[in-house]
Structure formats: structure tokens, C-alpha cells
């Protein structure tokens, strides 16, 4: 008796890449994580290498020829990734290359088995997406960390860092930085550690250099803003509520009907931004995205299953 066919789902983002391999009945036969898989932020070669690394671990021995369908959702998707992924798939003995798309539809599928609805995403990046028949119909924001992604982890972290830089530019003493509110102290510790530059200007320049060298340092501040807001820091609370307002404004531009799926670490982690967003969305049916790689595998399997079978298996694939 031949072994059952497999489907593959991949969720590749700015911080990590996840690969899920499932049988058609939803049984998970492999799962792996690797590094960042965003080709816009990290380059084609690094993104392809991350996908290949995770796929090598997740795919069972001899599983390549058994793959019936696969789907890759990738943040920062660019057309140049198509031949790169085809090469990786061929190296693993998979005959047909994957369907390749952005990560928004897959993030929505991670939170709902309904074909029509809206995604609200805030992780490193942010945006809203109207999904119809599990196809992307309209997007609000999701324009990248440099000029868009308002309300994202990066945006939240940059707001906090800018407040600290502005205070130092107004000659706030470096020692006072660690005493002038919890958020300031957390941001200063994040960038300076035990270092204490001699002047406010030197401290500001140090923080700016570190942020410019690695913009992901700013996104990492998001959790510190949440920590400070939950402790009652006024500036952190203000930033969190501003982020929530911007996120819901993006949603309102595209939302028509159906469930609203919250995705991304900022919105799936309990905290002030999630709380404020839920308050603003009272009256809507709101769900939370679960495993996006499993959701990508489920979307791969849908074409091979009846509609009733696919809907019944959604929770099995996504870990609900």
C-alpha cells in the first residue's frame, strides 16, 4: 500500500520561517522553524536558505515525491522568489513548485474557516486585508516599515525611541533617563545596557547609530512599550492607544462583513494594544490567528478535499 500524500504550508516572516507538513486528513507529520524569510528585508538568498533549511527538517525522508500541493506565504514577497523556491523544491524531490503569495491571506486562514472576512495584522509590520473566497481582495496599509505599517511593532518601537531621543536632544541628563518613567528606562537599557555616555548628545547618537545599524532593534521595543503600559506608564499607554487607533482605521477602510481575524505578535499577545483594539471592535466577530504554517498547509489541501471536509479539518491543521 502506498504512503499517503502530503501537503506543505510555509509561513515566512521578518523574524522566522515555519514549515508544516501534513497528510490530507490533517495529521501533522513534520514541523520546523528557521531564520527570517522576508526577501525584502533580508535578501533573496537568505530567505530561500531559511525556507530550505526548515523544509529539510520538516519533510519526512522520501517525502518529496509524495507532496501533492504546497503553499508559501511570505512577508515582503517579490516575484524573484518564484525561481528560488522552485529550485529549493526540486532539491527536495518535489515535482511541482509551491503556490507563492504574500502572508496576509494565510494569516487570515490561520484564524477562520470562513471564506470571506478581514485580517488585521500587527507584528513587525502591520496592515488590514479583505479576503473573499480565500483570495486577497483589498489591502489597507501593509506598505513596509519605512513608509507604512502604522501601528506595527516597528512603529510602536520607533515612537518610543523617538521620545527618548527627543528628551536627550532637550538635554535630559543621561542619569535622569533611567529615572524619568519606566518606558524611558526600558528603552535606555535596551540600547545602552550598562554603558552611560558622558553627555545627552552622546547617548542620543549612540541610540541612533544602533537603530540605524539594525532597524529590528526598534521592533523589539514593542514588548517593552507593552510592559510599561501595563505598569501604568503614561507615554507607553498613549503609544499603545495610538497604535490601536491606527490599526482599526486601516481595518475600517477594507472591512465589509464576516469575521475579523487578529494576527501578528502585537495583536495575538495579551496586552494594551490588543485590549484597545478589542474595545474598538466591540460588536464585530473577532477571532485570533493560530498556526499560519498549518493554515498554509490547509489552504494547499482545500483543492484536494470537499468543502465540508476542508472546513471540518481546519482546526486540525491550524491547531485550534
C-alpha atoms as a PDB file:
ATOM      1  CA  UNK A   1       0.000   0.000   0.000  1.00  0.00           C
ATOM      2  CA  UNK A   2       1.422   3.376  -0.982  1.00  0.00           C
ATOM      3  CA  UNK A   3       2.070   6.000   1.663  1.00  0.00           C
ATOM      4  CA  UNK A   4      -0.453   8.862   1.882  1.00  0.00           C
ATOM      5  CA  UNK A   5       0.063  12.102   0.006  1.00  0.00           C
ATOM      6  CA  UNK A   6       1.336  15.208   1.777  1.00  0.00           C
ATOM      7  CA  UNK A   7       0.701  18.931   1.690  1.00  0.00           C
ATOM      8  CA  UNK A   8       3.136  21.636   2.771  1.00  0.00           C
ATOM      9  CA  UNK A   9       2.484  25.040   4.271  1.00  0.00           C
ATOM     10  CA  UNK A  10       5.116  27.701   4.856  1.00  0.00           C
ATOM     11  CA  UNK A  11       4.850  30.962   6.763  1.00  0.00           C
ATOM     12  CA  UNK A  12       7.967  33.071   6.202  1.00  0.00           C
ATOM     13  CA  UNK A  13       8.228  36.348   8.076  1.00  0.00           C
ATOM     14  CA  UNK A  14      10.607  39.048   9.152  1.00  0.00           C
ATOM     15  CA  UNK A  15      11.825  37.143  12.210  1.00  0.00           C
ATOM     16  CA  UNK A  16      11.299  33.448  11.465  1.00  0.00           C
ATOM     17  CA  UNK A  17      10.245  30.828   8.909  1.00  0.00           C
ATOM     18  CA  UNK A  18       7.913  27.964   9.814  1.00  0.00           C
ATOM     19  CA  UNK A  19       7.174  24.880   7.723  1.00  0.00           C
ATOM     20  CA  UNK A  20       4.285  22.469   8.387  1.00  0.00           C
ATOM     21  CA  UNK A  21       3.880  19.138   6.581  1.00  0.00           C
ATOM     22  CA  UNK A  22       0.529  17.376   6.854  1.00  0.00           C
ATOM     23  CA  UNK A  23      -1.278  14.364   5.469  1.00  0.00           C
ATOM     24  CA  UNK A  24      -4.618  15.134   3.821  1.00  0.00           C
ATOM     25  CA  UNK A  25      -6.510  14.057   6.929  1.00  0.00           C
ATOM     26  CA  UNK A  26      -4.765  16.848   8.844  1.00  0.00           C
ATOM     27  CA  UNK A  27      -2.220  14.680  10.635  1.00  0.00           C
ATOM     28  CA  UNK A  28       0.965  16.655  11.089  1.00  0.00           C
ATOM     29  CA  UNK A  29       3.990  14.645  10.008  1.00  0.00           C
ATOM     30  CA  UNK A  30       6.635  17.343  10.229  1.00  0.00           C
ATOM     31  CA  UNK A  31       7.225  20.868  11.526  1.00  0.00           C
ATOM     32  CA  UNK A  32      10.313  23.054  11.682  1.00  0.00           C
ATOM     33  CA  UNK A  33      11.486  26.599  12.208  1.00  0.00           C
ATOM     34  CA  UNK A  34      14.367  28.532  10.696  1.00  0.00           C
ATOM     35  CA  UNK A  35      15.549  32.117  10.480  1.00  0.00           C
ATOM     36  CA  UNK A  36      13.999  35.170   8.850  1.00  0.00           C
ATOM     37  CA  UNK A  37      12.358  34.561   5.463  1.00  0.00           C
ATOM     38  CA  UNK A  38      11.491  38.079   4.288  1.00  0.00           C
ATOM     39  CA  UNK A  39      13.331  38.663   0.971  1.00  0.00           C
ATOM     40  CA  UNK A  40      12.726  42.414   1.021  1.00  0.00           C
ATOM     41  CA  UNK A  41      14.329  42.843   4.423  1.00  0.00           C
ATOM     42  CA  UNK A  42      16.965  40.104   4.229  1.00  0.00           C
ATOM     43  CA  UNK A  43      17.548  39.366   0.531  1.00  0.00           C
ATOM     44  CA  UNK A  44      16.542  36.536  -1.773  1.00  0.00           C
ATOM     45  CA  UNK A  45      19.399  34.220  -0.873  1.00  0.00           C
ATOM     46  CA  UNK A  46      18.855  34.394   2.869  1.00  0.00           C
ATOM     47  CA  UNK A  47      15.091  33.973   2.522  1.00  0.00           C
ATOM     48  CA  UNK A  48      15.457  30.944   0.240  1.00  0.00           C
ATOM     49  CA  UNK A  49      18.070  29.436   2.554  1.00  0.00           C
ATOM     50  CA  UNK A  50      15.741  29.787   5.557  1.00  0.00           C
ATOM     51  CA  UNK A  51      12.904  28.077   3.689  1.00  0.00           C
ATOM     52  CA  UNK A  52      15.215  25.295   2.526  1.00  0.00           C
ATOM     53  CA  UNK A  53      16.623  24.747   5.998  1.00  0.00           C
ATOM     54  CA  UNK A  54      13.198  24.401   7.622  1.00  0.00           C
ATOM     55  CA  UNK A  55      11.863  22.262   4.778  1.00  0.00           C
ATOM     56  CA  UNK A  56      14.783  19.847   5.131  1.00  0.00           C
ATOM     57  CA  UNK A  57      13.884  19.245   8.763  1.00  0.00           C
ATOM     58  CA  UNK A  58      10.080  19.148   8.390  1.00  0.00           C
ATOM     59  CA  UNK A  59       9.821  16.917   5.306  1.00  0.00           C
ATOM     60  CA  UNK A  60       9.985  13.223   6.248  1.00  0.00           C
ATOM     61  CA  UNK A  61      12.612  11.063   4.497  1.00  0.00           C
ATOM     62  CA  UNK A  62      11.450  10.242   0.999  1.00  0.00           C
ATOM     63  CA  UNK A  63       8.534  12.621   1.367  1.00  0.00           C
ATOM     64  CA  UNK A  64       9.300  14.815  -1.641  1.00  0.00           C
ATOM     65  CA  UNK A  65       7.574  12.658  -4.279  1.00  0.00           C
ATOM     66  CA  UNK A  66       4.522  12.330  -2.001  1.00  0.00           C
ATOM     67  CA  UNK A  67       3.861  16.080  -1.927  1.00  0.00           C
ATOM     68  CA  UNK A  68       0.566  16.814  -3.681  1.00  0.00           C
ATOM     69  CA  UNK A  69       0.389  20.571  -3.109  1.00  0.00           C
ATOM     70  CA  UNK A  70       2.252  23.297  -1.261  1.00  0.00           C
ATOM     71  CA  UNK A  71       1.823  26.956  -0.457  1.00  0.00           C
ATOM     72  CA  UNK A  72       4.242  29.636   0.688  1.00  0.00           C
ATOM     73  CA  UNK A  73       3.090  32.812   2.381  1.00  0.00           C
ATOM     74  CA  UNK A  74       5.927  35.284   2.612  1.00  0.00           C
ATOM     75  CA  UNK A  75       6.205  38.741   4.101  1.00  0.00           C
ATOM     76  CA  UNK A  76       7.855  41.120   1.665  1.00  0.00           C
ATOM     77  CA  UNK A  77       7.021  38.835  -1.254  1.00  0.00           C
ATOM     78  CA  UNK A  78       8.782  39.580  -4.532  1.00  0.00           C
ATOM     79  CA  UNK A  79       8.438  37.823  -7.892  1.00  0.00           C
ATOM     80  CA  UNK A  80      12.142  36.947  -7.929  1.00  0.00           C
ATOM     81  CA  UNK A  81      11.471  34.396  -5.178  1.00  0.00           C
ATOM     82  CA  UNK A  82       9.499  32.153  -7.563  1.00  0.00           C
ATOM     83  CA  UNK A  83      12.557  30.590  -9.286  1.00  0.00           C
ATOM     84  CA  UNK A  84      14.389  30.434  -5.955  1.00  0.00           C
ATOM     85  CA  UNK A  85      11.570  28.411  -4.399  1.00  0.00           C
ATOM     86  CA  UNK A  86      11.293  26.197  -7.487  1.00  0.00           C
ATOM     87  CA  UNK A  87      14.987  25.410  -7.070  1.00  0.00           C
ATOM     88  CA  UNK A  88      14.557  24.556  -3.376  1.00  0.00           C
ATOM     89  CA  UNK A  89      11.569  22.337  -4.142  1.00  0.00           C
ATOM     90  CA  UNK A  90      13.472  20.491  -6.877  1.00  0.00           C
ATOM     91  CA  UNK A  91      16.372  19.913  -4.486  1.00  0.00           C
ATOM     92  CA  UNK A  92      13.927  18.166  -2.142  1.00  0.00           C
ATOM     93  CA  UNK A  93      12.462  15.988  -4.879  1.00  0.00           C
ATOM     94  CA  UNK A  94       9.137  17.827  -5.042  1.00  0.00           C
ATOM     95  CA  UNK A  95       7.863  17.844  -8.598  1.00  0.00           C
ATOM     96  CA  UNK A  96       5.620  20.920  -8.605  1.00  0.00           C
ATOM     97  CA  UNK A  97       6.794  24.255  -7.181  1.00  0.00           C
ATOM     98  CA  UNK A  98       4.662  25.849  -4.459  1.00  0.00           C
ATOM     99  CA  UNK A  99       1.989  28.457  -4.842  1.00  0.00           C
ATOM    100  CA  UNK A 100       3.681  31.639  -3.721  1.00  0.00           C
ATOM    101  CA  UNK A 101       1.970  34.710  -2.282  1.00  0.00           C
ATOM    102  CA  UNK A 102       2.122  37.289   0.471  1.00  0.00           C
ATOM    103  CA  UNK A 103       1.397  36.322   4.047  1.00  0.00           C
ATOM    104  CA  UNK A 104      -1.925  38.129   4.507  1.00  0.00           C
ATOM    105  CA  UNK A 105      -4.336  35.504   3.167  1.00  0.00           C
ATOM    106  CA  UNK A 106      -2.560  32.761   5.072  1.00  0.00           C
ATOM    107  CA  UNK A 107      -2.657  34.782   8.291  1.00  0.00           C
ATOM    108  CA  UNK A 108      -6.413  35.182   7.811  1.00  0.00           C
ATOM    109  CA  UNK A 109      -6.844  31.431   7.227  1.00  0.00           C
ATOM    110  CA  UNK A 110      -4.983  30.792  10.477  1.00  0.00           C
ATOM    111  CA  UNK A 111      -7.939  32.304  12.318  1.00  0.00           C
ATOM    112  CA  UNK A 112     -11.028  31.396  10.348  1.00  0.00           C
ATOM    113  CA  UNK A 113     -12.538  28.652   8.210  1.00  0.00           C
ATOM    114  CA  UNK A 114     -14.941  31.209   6.728  1.00  0.00           C
ATOM    115  CA  UNK A 115     -14.016  32.095   3.129  1.00  0.00           C
ATOM    116  CA  UNK A 116     -14.915  35.794   3.459  1.00  0.00           C
ATOM    117  CA  UNK A 117     -13.693  38.134   6.177  1.00  0.00           C
ATOM    118  CA  UNK A 118     -10.974  40.563   7.160  1.00  0.00           C
ATOM    119  CA  UNK A 119      -7.497  40.265   8.610  1.00  0.00           C
ATOM    120  CA  UNK A 120      -5.999  42.804  10.994  1.00  0.00           C
ATOM    121  CA  UNK A 121      -2.284  42.195  11.359  1.00  0.00           C
ATOM    122  CA  UNK A 122       0.269  43.797  13.637  1.00  0.00           C
ATOM    123  CA  UNK A 123       3.589  42.129  14.204  1.00  0.00           C
ATOM    124  CA  UNK A 124       6.855  43.564  12.945  1.00  0.00           C
ATOM    125  CA  UNK A 125       4.691  45.032  10.157  1.00  0.00           C
ATOM    126  CA  UNK A 126       1.003  45.937  10.059  1.00  0.00           C
ATOM    127  CA  UNK A 127      -1.970  46.144   7.747  1.00  0.00           C
ATOM    128  CA  UNK A 128      -5.517  45.018   7.079  1.00  0.00           C
ATOM    129  CA  UNK A 129      -6.782  42.789   4.285  1.00  0.00           C
ATOM    130  CA  UNK A 130     -10.221  41.959   2.932  1.00  0.00           C
ATOM    131  CA  UNK A 131     -10.374  38.282   1.945  1.00  0.00           C
ATOM    132  CA  UNK A 132     -13.073  36.860  -0.358  1.00  0.00           C
ATOM    133  CA  UNK A 133     -13.107  33.158  -1.148  1.00  0.00           C
ATOM    134  CA  UNK A 134      -9.682  32.913   0.495  1.00  0.00           C
ATOM    135  CA  UNK A 135      -8.324  35.286  -2.125  1.00  0.00           C
ATOM    136  CA  UNK A 136      -6.952  38.726  -1.357  1.00  0.00           C
ATOM    137  CA  UNK A 137      -9.406  41.409  -2.488  1.00  0.00           C
ATOM    138  CA  UNK A 138      -8.192  44.647  -0.902  1.00  0.00           C
ATOM    139  CA  UNK A 139      -5.385  45.746   1.396  1.00  0.00           C
ATOM    140  CA  UNK A 140      -5.063  48.667   3.764  1.00  0.00           C
ATOM    141  CA  UNK A 141      -1.505  49.753   4.616  1.00  0.00           C
ATOM    142  CA  UNK A 142       0.971  46.821   4.844  1.00  0.00           C
ATOM    143  CA  UNK A 143       3.318  49.151   2.973  1.00  0.00           C
ATOM    144  CA  UNK A 144       6.514  48.301   4.826  1.00  0.00           C
ATOM    145  CA  UNK A 145       8.328  49.595   7.870  1.00  0.00           C
ATOM    146  CA  UNK A 146       9.967  52.582   6.181  1.00  0.00           C
ATOM    147  CA  UNK A 147       6.862  54.396   4.911  1.00  0.00           C
ATOM    148  CA  UNK A 148       3.889  52.426   6.251  1.00  0.00           C
ATOM    149  CA  UNK A 149       2.914  49.635   8.667  1.00  0.00           C
ATOM    150  CA  UNK A 150       1.319  52.148  11.032  1.00  0.00           C
ATOM    151  CA  UNK A 151       0.542  50.553  14.384  1.00  0.00           C
ATOM    152  CA  UNK A 152       3.083  47.753  13.892  1.00  0.00           C
ATOM    153  CA  UNK A 153       5.684  46.605  16.384  1.00  0.00           C
ATOM    154  CA  UNK A 154       8.239  48.627  14.457  1.00  0.00           C
ATOM    155  CA  UNK A 155       6.034  51.725  14.524  1.00  0.00           C
ATOM    156  CA  UNK A 156       5.405  51.319  18.262  1.00  0.00           C
ATOM    157  CA  UNK A 157       9.100  50.854  18.983  1.00  0.00           C
ATOM    158  CA  UNK A 158      10.114  53.802  16.840  1.00  0.00           C
ATOM    159  CA  UNK A 159       7.614  56.058  18.646  1.00  0.00           C
ATOM    160  CA  UNK A 160       9.169  55.067  21.962  1.00  0.00           C
ATOM    161  CA  UNK A 161      12.738  55.544  20.717  1.00  0.00           C
ATOM    162  CA  UNK A 162      11.903  58.918  19.188  1.00  0.00           C
ATOM    163  CA  UNK A 163      10.511  60.103  22.512  1.00  0.00           C
ATOM    164  CA  UNK A 164      13.758  59.155  24.246  1.00  0.00           C
ATOM    165  CA  UNK A 165      15.865  60.805  21.537  1.00  0.00           C
ATOM    166  CA  UNK A 166      13.761  63.972  21.748  1.00  0.00           C
ATOM    167  CA  UNK A 167      14.258  64.115  25.524  1.00  0.00           C
ATOM    168  CA  UNK A 168      18.024  63.733  25.162  1.00  0.00           C
ATOM    169  CA  UNK A 169      18.033  66.404  22.459  1.00  0.00           C
ATOM    170  CA  UNK A 170      16.420  68.712  25.027  1.00  0.00           C
ATOM    171  CA  UNK A 171      19.393  67.960  27.312  1.00  0.00           C
ATOM    172  CA  UNK A 172      17.748  65.472  29.649  1.00  0.00           C
ATOM    173  CA  UNK A 173      20.693  64.180  31.729  1.00  0.00           C
ATOM    174  CA  UNK A 174      21.684  60.612  30.965  1.00  0.00           C
ATOM    175  CA  UNK A 175      21.213  59.562  34.589  1.00  0.00           C
ATOM    176  CA  UNK A 176      17.695  61.051  34.592  1.00  0.00           C
ATOM    177  CA  UNK A 177      16.845  58.932  31.548  1.00  0.00           C
ATOM    178  CA  UNK A 178      16.761  55.911  33.857  1.00  0.00           C
ATOM    179  CA  UNK A 179      14.586  57.742  36.375  1.00  0.00           C
ATOM    180  CA  UNK A 180      12.129  59.653  34.179  1.00  0.00           C
ATOM    181  CA  UNK A 181       9.463  56.994  33.789  1.00  0.00           C
ATOM    182  CA  UNK A 182       9.526  53.233  33.195  1.00  0.00           C
ATOM    183  CA  UNK A 183       9.355  53.409  29.398  1.00  0.00           C
ATOM    184  CA  UNK A 184      12.359  55.724  29.154  1.00  0.00           C
ATOM    185  CA  UNK A 185      14.329  53.449  31.469  1.00  0.00           C
ATOM    186  CA  UNK A 186      13.446  50.320  29.477  1.00  0.00           C
ATOM    187  CA  UNK A 187      14.346  51.910  26.143  1.00  0.00           C
ATOM    188  CA  UNK A 188      17.616  53.258  27.517  1.00  0.00           C
ATOM    189  CA  UNK A 189      18.533  49.863  28.967  1.00  0.00           C
ATOM    190  CA  UNK A 190      17.650  48.189  25.661  1.00  0.00           C
ATOM    191  CA  UNK A 191      20.096  50.347  23.738  1.00  0.00           C
ATOM    192  CA  UNK A 192      22.753  51.319  26.271  1.00  0.00           C
ATOM    193  CA  UNK A 193      22.905  48.394  28.698  1.00  0.00           C
ATOM    194  CA  UNK A 194      25.462  49.260  31.362  1.00  0.00           C
ATOM    195  CA  UNK A 195      27.001  51.994  29.211  1.00  0.00           C
ATOM    196  CA  UNK A 196      26.491  55.577  30.400  1.00  0.00           C
ATOM    197  CA  UNK A 197      27.636  58.094  27.762  1.00  0.00           C
ATOM    198  CA  UNK A 198      29.066  61.299  29.191  1.00  0.00           C
ATOM    199  CA  UNK A 199      26.513  63.673  27.656  1.00  0.00           C
ATOM    200  CA  UNK A 200      22.880  63.551  26.473  1.00  0.00           C
ATOM    201  CA  UNK A 201      24.117  64.155  22.915  1.00  0.00           C
ATOM    202  CA  UNK A 202      26.476  61.198  23.110  1.00  0.00           C
ATOM    203  CA  UNK A 203      23.685  58.971  24.419  1.00  0.00           C
ATOM    204  CA  UNK A 204      21.333  60.098  21.648  1.00  0.00           C
ATOM    205  CA  UNK A 205      23.985  59.496  18.997  1.00  0.00           C
ATOM    206  CA  UNK A 206      24.676  56.026  20.370  1.00  0.00           C
ATOM    207  CA  UNK A 207      20.996  55.060  20.233  1.00  0.00           C
ATOM    208  CA  UNK A 208      20.621  56.474  16.712  1.00  0.00           C
ATOM    209  CA  UNK A 209      23.652  54.548  15.448  1.00  0.00           C
ATOM    210  CA  UNK A 210      22.408  51.281  16.910  1.00  0.00           C
ATOM    211  CA  UNK A 211      18.917  51.763  15.471  1.00  0.00           C
ATOM    212  CA  UNK A 212      20.260  52.645  12.037  1.00  0.00           C
ATOM    213  CA  UNK A 213      22.554  49.630  12.033  1.00  0.00           C
ATOM    214  CA  UNK A 214      19.674  47.246  12.778  1.00  0.00           C
ATOM    215  CA  UNK A 215      16.128  48.569  12.455  1.00  0.00           C
ATOM    216  CA  UNK A 216      14.789  45.376  14.047  1.00  0.00           C
ATOM    217  CA  UNK A 217      16.070  46.779  17.339  1.00  0.00           C
ATOM    218  CA  UNK A 218      13.166  49.218  17.107  1.00  0.00           C
ATOM    219  CA  UNK A 219      10.594  46.482  16.532  1.00  0.00           C
ATOM    220  CA  UNK A 220      11.932  44.700  19.610  1.00  0.00           C
ATOM    221  CA  UNK A 221      10.916  47.721  21.709  1.00  0.00           C
ATOM    222  CA  UNK A 222       7.235  46.929  21.179  1.00  0.00           C
ATOM    223  CA  UNK A 223       7.156  44.417  24.022  1.00  0.00           C
ATOM    224  CA  UNK A 224       8.802  46.992  26.311  1.00  0.00           C
ATOM    225  CA  UNK A 225       6.109  49.531  25.459  1.00  0.00           C
ATOM    226  CA  UNK A 226       3.515  46.913  26.368  1.00  0.00           C
ATOM    227  CA  UNK A 227       5.311  46.152  29.625  1.00  0.00           C
ATOM    228  CA  UNK A 228       5.460  49.822  30.563  1.00  0.00           C
ATOM    229  CA  UNK A 229       1.839  50.466  29.561  1.00  0.00           C
ATOM    230  CA  UNK A 230       0.607  47.584  31.713  1.00  0.00           C
ATOM    231  CA  UNK A 231       2.537  49.143  34.602  1.00  0.00           C
ATOM    232  CA  UNK A 232       0.740  52.457  34.020  1.00  0.00           C
ATOM    233  CA  UNK A 233       3.445  54.479  32.258  1.00  0.00           C
ATOM    234  CA  UNK A 234       1.523  57.392  30.651  1.00  0.00           C
ATOM    235  CA  UNK A 235       3.652  57.664  27.500  1.00  0.00           C
ATOM    236  CA  UNK A 236       3.536  53.916  26.876  1.00  0.00           C
ATOM    237  CA  UNK A 237      -0.233  53.906  27.344  1.00  0.00           C
ATOM    238  CA  UNK A 238      -0.576  56.774  24.874  1.00  0.00           C
ATOM    239  CA  UNK A 239       1.548  54.985  22.257  1.00  0.00           C
ATOM    240  CA  UNK A 240      -0.433  51.751  22.683  1.00  0.00           C
ATOM    241  CA  UNK A 241      -3.768  53.518  22.218  1.00  0.00           C
ATOM    242  CA  UNK A 242      -2.469  55.446  19.207  1.00  0.00           C
ATOM    243  CA  UNK A 243      -1.324  52.184  17.642  1.00  0.00           C
ATOM    244  CA  UNK A 244      -4.731  50.597  18.239  1.00  0.00           C
ATOM    245  CA  UNK A 245      -6.486  53.578  16.690  1.00  0.00           C
ATOM    246  CA  UNK A 246      -4.324  53.449  13.572  1.00  0.00           C
ATOM    247  CA  UNK A 247      -4.795  49.693  13.205  1.00  0.00           C
ATOM    248  CA  UNK A 248      -8.575  49.876  13.448  1.00  0.00           C
ATOM    249  CA  UNK A 249      -8.604  52.791  10.989  1.00  0.00           C
ATOM    250  CA  UNK A 250      -6.773  50.575   8.479  1.00  0.00           C
ATOM    251  CA  UNK A 251      -9.311  47.817   9.122  1.00  0.00           C
ATOM    252  CA  UNK A 252     -12.290  50.127   8.601  1.00  0.00           C
ATOM    253  CA  UNK A 253     -11.022  51.049   5.140  1.00  0.00           C
ATOM    254  CA  UNK A 254     -11.330  47.462   3.902  1.00  0.00           C
ATOM    255  CA  UNK A 255     -13.757  45.607   6.198  1.00  0.00           C
ATOM    256  CA  UNK A 256     -17.186  44.760   4.785  1.00  0.00           C
ATOM    257  CA  UNK A 257     -18.531  41.742   6.645  1.00  0.00           C
ATOM    258  CA  UNK A 258     -17.567  38.417   8.162  1.00  0.00           C
ATOM    259  CA  UNK A 259     -15.118  37.693  10.975  1.00  0.00           C
ATOM    260  CA  UNK A 260     -12.148  39.857  11.856  1.00  0.00           C
ATOM    261  CA  UNK A 261      -9.010  37.791  12.416  1.00  0.00           C
ATOM    262  CA  UNK A 262      -6.277  39.288  14.613  1.00  0.00           C
ATOM    263  CA  UNK A 263      -2.768  38.192  13.677  1.00  0.00           C
ATOM    264  CA  UNK A 264       0.821  39.119  14.469  1.00  0.00           C
ATOM    265  CA  UNK A 265       2.551  39.187  17.833  1.00  0.00           C
ATOM    266  CA  UNK A 266       1.252  42.635  18.816  1.00  0.00           C
ATOM    267  CA  UNK A 267      -2.387  41.561  18.430  1.00  0.00           C
ATOM    268  CA  UNK A 268      -2.221  37.904  19.458  1.00  0.00           C
ATOM    269  CA  UNK A 269      -0.344  38.590  22.708  1.00  0.00           C
ATOM    270  CA  UNK A 270      -2.473  39.868  25.588  1.00  0.00           C
ATOM    271  CA  UNK A 271      -1.534  43.462  26.260  1.00  0.00           C
ATOM    272  CA  UNK A 272      -2.629  47.081  25.933  1.00  0.00           C
ATOM    273  CA  UNK A 273      -2.754  47.201  22.126  1.00  0.00           C
ATOM    274  CA  UNK A 274      -4.822  44.027  21.853  1.00  0.00           C
ATOM    275  CA  UNK A 275      -7.105  45.251  24.634  1.00  0.00           C
ATOM    276  CA  UNK A 276      -7.643  48.635  22.976  1.00  0.00           C
ATOM    277  CA  UNK A 277      -8.288  47.057  19.571  1.00  0.00           C
ATOM    278  CA  UNK A 278     -10.848  44.636  21.012  1.00  0.00           C
ATOM    279  CA  UNK A 279     -12.617  47.529  22.678  1.00  0.00           C
ATOM    280  CA  UNK A 280     -12.746  49.459  19.406  1.00  0.00           C
ATOM    281  CA  UNK A 281     -14.057  46.357  17.610  1.00  0.00           C
ATOM    282  CA  UNK A 282     -16.833  45.558  20.072  1.00  0.00           C
ATOM    283  CA  UNK A 283     -19.789  44.313  18.067  1.00  0.00           C
ATOM    284  CA  UNK A 284     -17.608  42.522  15.488  1.00  0.00           C
ATOM    285  CA  UNK A 285     -16.933  38.787  15.449  1.00  0.00           C
ATOM    286  CA  UNK A 286     -13.237  38.676  16.345  1.00  0.00           C
ATOM    287  CA  UNK A 287     -11.011  35.596  16.298  1.00  0.00           C
ATOM    288  CA  UNK A 288      -7.274  35.117  16.794  1.00  0.00           C
ATOM    289  CA  UNK A 289      -4.924  33.566  14.250  1.00  0.00           C
ATOM    290  CA  UNK A 290      -3.215  30.352  15.311  1.00  0.00           C
ATOM    291  CA  UNK A 291      -0.547  28.474  13.350  1.00  0.00           C
ATOM    292  CA  UNK A 292      -0.040  30.162   9.978  1.00  0.00           C
ATOM    293  CA  UNK A 293       2.158  27.402   8.543  1.00  0.00           C
ATOM    294  CA  UNK A 294      -0.580  24.899   9.343  1.00  0.00           C
ATOM    295  CA  UNK A 295      -3.083  27.262   7.734  1.00  0.00           C
ATOM    296  CA  UNK A 296      -0.961  27.384   4.577  1.00  0.00           C
ATOM    297  CA  UNK A 297      -0.966  23.569   4.520  1.00  0.00           C
ATOM    298  CA  UNK A 298      -4.746  23.620   4.967  1.00  0.00           C
ATOM    299  CA  UNK A 299      -5.135  26.006   2.036  1.00  0.00           C
ATOM    300  CA  UNK A 300      -2.949  23.647  -0.005  1.00  0.00           C
ATOM    301  CA  UNK A 301      -5.235  20.744   0.919  1.00  0.00           C
ATOM    302  CA  UNK A 302      -8.524  22.561   0.205  1.00  0.00           C
ATOM    303  CA  UNK A 303      -8.356  21.900  -3.541  1.00  0.00           C
ATOM    304  CA  UNK A 304      -7.980  18.178  -2.829  1.00  0.00           C
ATOM    305  CA  UNK A 305     -10.883  17.954  -0.371  1.00  0.00           C
ATOM    306  CA  UNK A 306     -14.599  18.614  -0.451  1.00  0.00           C
ATOM    307  CA  UNK A 307     -15.720  21.906   1.078  1.00  0.00           C
ATOM    308  CA  UNK A 308     -17.240  20.086   4.047  1.00  0.00           C
ATOM    309  CA  UNK A 309     -14.080  18.038   4.607  1.00  0.00           C
ATOM    310  CA  UNK A 310     -11.875  21.118   4.448  1.00  0.00           C
ATOM    311  CA  UNK A 311     -13.975  23.069   6.930  1.00  0.00           C
ATOM    312  CA  UNK A 312     -14.092  20.139   9.345  1.00  0.00           C
ATOM    313  CA  UNK A 313     -10.301  19.775   9.232  1.00  0.00           C
ATOM    314  CA  UNK A 314      -9.429  23.468   9.692  1.00  0.00           C
ATOM    315  CA  UNK A 315      -8.885  23.164  13.431  1.00  0.00           C
ATOM    316  CA  UNK A 316      -6.710  20.077  12.981  1.00  0.00           C
ATOM    317  CA  UNK A 317      -4.392  21.867  10.573  1.00  0.00           C
ATOM    318  CA  UNK A 318      -4.182  25.159  12.477  1.00  0.00           C
ATOM    319  CA  UNK A 319      -4.027  23.762  16.000  1.00  0.00           C
ATOM    320  CA  UNK A 320      -7.287  25.281  17.192  1.00  0.00           C
END
